[in-house]
C-alpha atoms as a PDB file:
ATOM      1  CA  MET A   1      25.576  63.741 -23.708  1.00  0.00           C
ATOM      2  CA  ALA A   2      29.027  62.672 -22.515  1.00  0.00           C
ATOM      3  CA  SER A   3      31.746  65.282 -22.301  1.00  0.00           C
ATOM      4  CA  ASN A   4      34.547  65.282 -24.869  1.00  0.00           C
ATOM      5  CA  ALA A   5      36.865  63.773 -22.243  1.00  0.00           C
ATOM      6  CA  THR A   6      34.645  60.716 -21.770  1.00  0.00           C
ATOM      7  CA  GLN A   7      33.539  60.069 -25.349  1.00  0.00           C
ATOM      8  CA  PRO A   8      35.154  57.051 -26.961  1.00  0.00           C
ATOM      9  CA  ILE A   9      37.562  57.534 -29.824  1.00  0.00           C
ATOM     10  CA  LYS A  10      35.917  55.549 -32.581  1.00  0.00           C
ATOM     11  CA  ASP A  11      38.494  55.824 -35.329  1.00  0.00           C
ATOM     12  CA  GLY A  12      42.112  56.638 -35.860  1.00  0.00           C
ATOM     13  CA  THR A  13      41.513  60.181 -37.146  1.00  0.00           C
ATOM     14  CA  GLU A  14      40.897  61.700 -33.727  1.00  0.00           C
ATOM     15  CA  ALA A  15      43.726  59.636 -32.251  1.00  0.00           C
ATOM     16  CA  GLU A  16      46.047  60.879 -34.987  1.00  0.00           C
ATOM     17  CA  THR A  17      45.000  64.454 -34.201  1.00  0.00           C
ATOM     18  CA  ILE A  18      46.057  63.905 -30.588  1.00  0.00           C
ATOM     19  CA  ALA A  19      49.360  62.427 -31.799  1.00  0.00           C
ATOM     20  CA  ILE A  20      50.031  65.477 -33.972  1.00  0.00           C
ATOM     21  CA  SER A  21      49.249  67.662 -30.958  1.00  0.00           C
ATOM     22  CA  ILE A  22      51.896  65.707 -29.035  1.00  0.00           C
ATOM     23  CA  LEU A  23      54.402  66.338 -31.834  1.00  0.00           C
ATOM     24  CA  GLY A  24      53.660  70.063 -31.744  1.00  0.00           C
ATOM     25  CA  TRP A  25      54.157  70.106 -27.987  1.00  0.00           C
ATOM     26  CA  LEU A  26      57.411  68.130 -28.251  1.00  0.00           C
ATOM     27  CA  ALA A  27      58.717  70.624 -30.821  1.00  0.00           C
ATOM     28  CA  ASN A  28      58.639  73.222 -28.028  1.00  0.00           C
ATOM     29  CA  GLU A  29      60.276  70.882 -25.494  1.00  0.00           C
ATOM     30  CA  PRO A  30      63.822  70.285 -26.842  1.00  0.00           C
ATOM     31  CA  GLU A  31      64.910  67.991 -24.006  1.00  0.00           C
ATOM     32  CA  LEU A  32      61.855  65.758 -24.402  1.00  0.00           C
ATOM     33  CA  LEU A  33      62.106  65.817 -28.192  1.00  0.00           C
ATOM     34  CA  GLY A  34      65.717  64.676 -27.860  1.00  0.00           C
ATOM     35  CA  ARG A  35      64.615  61.883 -25.547  1.00  0.00           C
ATOM     36  CA  PHE A  36      61.896  60.828 -28.012  1.00  0.00           C
ATOM     37  CA  LEU A  37      64.399  60.777 -30.880  1.00  0.00           C
ATOM     38  CA  SER A  38      66.888  58.803 -28.796  1.00  0.00           C
ATOM     39  CA  LEU A  39      64.328  56.231 -27.663  1.00  0.00           C
ATOM     40  CA  THR A  40      62.942  55.710 -31.159  1.00  0.00           C
ATOM     41  CA  GLY A  41      66.291  55.805 -32.964  1.00  0.00           C
ATOM     42  CA  MET A  42      64.973  58.540 -35.199  1.00  0.00           C
ATOM     43  CA  SER A  43      66.666  61.702 -36.396  1.00  0.00           C
ATOM     44  CA  VAL A  44      65.037  65.023 -37.191  1.00  0.00           C
ATOM     45  CA  SER A  45      64.997  64.120 -40.894  1.00  0.00           C
ATOM     46  CA  THR A  46      63.404  60.706 -40.340  1.00  0.00           C
ATOM     47  CA  LEU A  47      60.929  62.356 -37.980  1.00  0.00           C
ATOM     48  CA  ARG A  48      59.814  64.644 -40.806  1.00  0.00           C
ATOM     49  CA  GLN A  49      59.559  61.705 -43.226  1.00  0.00           C
ATOM     50  CA  SER A  50      57.548  59.617 -40.743  1.00  0.00           C
ATOM     51  CA  ALA A  51      55.142  62.306 -39.539  1.00  0.00           C
ATOM     52  CA  GLY A  52      52.220  60.958 -41.590  1.00  0.00           C
ATOM     53  CA  GLU A  53      52.694  57.302 -40.742  1.00  0.00           C
ATOM     54  CA  PRO A  54      50.256  55.553 -38.355  1.00  0.00           C
ATOM     55  CA  GLY A  55      53.135  53.785 -36.598  1.00  0.00           C
ATOM     56  CA  PHE A  56      54.697  57.160 -35.935  1.00  0.00           C
ATOM     57  CA  HIS A  57      51.473  58.447 -34.405  1.00  0.00           C
ATOM     58  CA  LEU A  58      51.425  55.441 -32.100  1.00  0.00           C
ATOM     59  CA  ALA A  59      55.086  56.028 -31.201  1.00  0.00           C
ATOM     60  CA  LEU A  60      54.250  59.582 -30.128  1.00  0.00           C
ATOM     61  CA  ILE A  61      51.409  58.421 -27.910  1.00  0.00           C
ATOM     62  CA  ASP A  62      53.505  55.520 -26.576  1.00  0.00           C
ATOM     63  CA  PHE A  63      56.137  58.044 -25.561  1.00  0.00           C
ATOM     64  CA  LEU A  64      53.641  59.771 -23.288  1.00  0.00           C
ATOM     65  CA  MET A  65      51.996  56.589 -22.053  1.00  0.00           C
ATOM     66  CA  ASP A  66      55.358  55.157 -21.010  1.00  0.00           C
ATOM     67  CA  HIS A  67      56.157  58.099 -18.700  1.00  0.00           C
ATOM     68  CA  GLU A  68      53.345  59.451 -16.536  1.00  0.00           C
ATOM     69  CA  ARG A  69      55.117  62.711 -15.724  1.00  0.00           C
ATOM     70  CA  THR A  70      55.534  63.499 -19.431  1.00  0.00           C
ATOM     71  CA  LEU A  71      51.874  62.620 -20.043  1.00  0.00           C
ATOM     72  CA  MET A  72      50.778  64.934 -17.235  1.00  0.00           C
ATOM     73  CA  ASP A  73      53.057  67.746 -18.455  1.00  0.00           C
ATOM     74  CA  PHE A  74      51.556  67.434 -21.950  1.00  0.00           C
ATOM     75  CA  CYS A  75      48.033  67.487 -20.553  1.00  0.00           C
ATOM     76  CA  ALA A  76      48.762  70.504 -18.367  1.00  0.00           C
ATOM     77  CA  ALA A  77      50.247  72.410 -21.307  1.00  0.00           C
ATOM     78  CA  THR A  78      47.519  71.551 -23.813  1.00  0.00           C
ATOM     79  CA  GLY A  79      44.389  71.033 -21.731  1.00  0.00           C
ATOM     80  CA  GLU A  80      44.035  67.499 -23.083  1.00  0.00           C
ATOM     81  CA  LYS A  81      42.702  64.910 -20.637  1.00  0.00           C
ATOM     82  CA  PRO A  82      44.978  61.939 -19.842  1.00  0.00           C
ATOM     83  CA  GLU A  83      42.009  59.620 -20.366  1.00  0.00           C
ATOM     84  CA  ARG A  84      41.648  60.799 -23.962  1.00  0.00           C
ATOM     85  CA  VAL A  85      45.341  60.186 -24.610  1.00  0.00           C
ATOM     86  CA  ALA A  86      44.862  56.665 -23.227  1.00  0.00           C
ATOM     87  CA  ARG A  87      41.837  56.130 -25.491  1.00  0.00           C
ATOM     88  CA  ALA A  88      43.812  57.444 -28.475  1.00  0.00           C
ATOM     89  CA  HIS A  89      46.524  54.930 -27.593  1.00  0.00           C
ATOM     90  CA  ARG A  90      43.977  52.102 -27.588  1.00  0.00           C
ATOM     91  CA  ALA A  91      42.469  53.302 -30.882  1.00  0.00           C
ATOM     92  CA  LEU A  92      45.862  53.200 -32.641  1.00  0.00           C
ATOM     93  CA  SER A  93      47.176  50.070 -30.915  1.00  0.00           C
ATOM     94  CA  GLY A  94      44.587  47.730 -32.371  1.00  0.00           C
ATOM     95  CA  PRO A  95      43.035  44.774 -30.561  1.00  0.00           C
ATOM     96  CA  PRO A  96      44.296  43.981 -27.039  1.00  0.00           C
ATOM     97  CA  GLY A  97      47.525  42.031 -27.157  1.00  0.00           C
ATOM     98  CA  LEU A  98      48.474  43.352 -30.597  1.00  0.00           C
ATOM     99  CA  TYR A  99      51.426  45.713 -30.505  1.00  0.00           C
ATOM    100  CA  THR A 100      51.869  47.548 -33.800  1.00  0.00           C
ATOM    101  CA  ASN A 101      54.509  50.156 -32.986  1.00  0.00           C
ATOM    102  CA  SER A 102      57.201  49.936 -35.649  1.00  0.00           C
ATOM    103  CA  PHE A 103      59.555  52.484 -34.058  1.00  0.00           C
END
């Protein structure tokens, strides 16, 4: 059987779990959280309102995927594999060529 790091992410639930893990990590990284808010145009209150939205989950994963150092810092802190974050990104992004991030 394939390890957890190599198993495909077949639905959005597992990808959303990874996204929520990213949010929890960002909550303990004020400088990165500020950067995320600045890049997305969100505020703390809109962040709270958007936390359950699929587009928000994708925005969290996009934030890591757009900056390798941040991705690697997240993975080091949480034990998550970068490959799984990339698969979560694909699971939430939809078919290739379709960009659904609304943030």
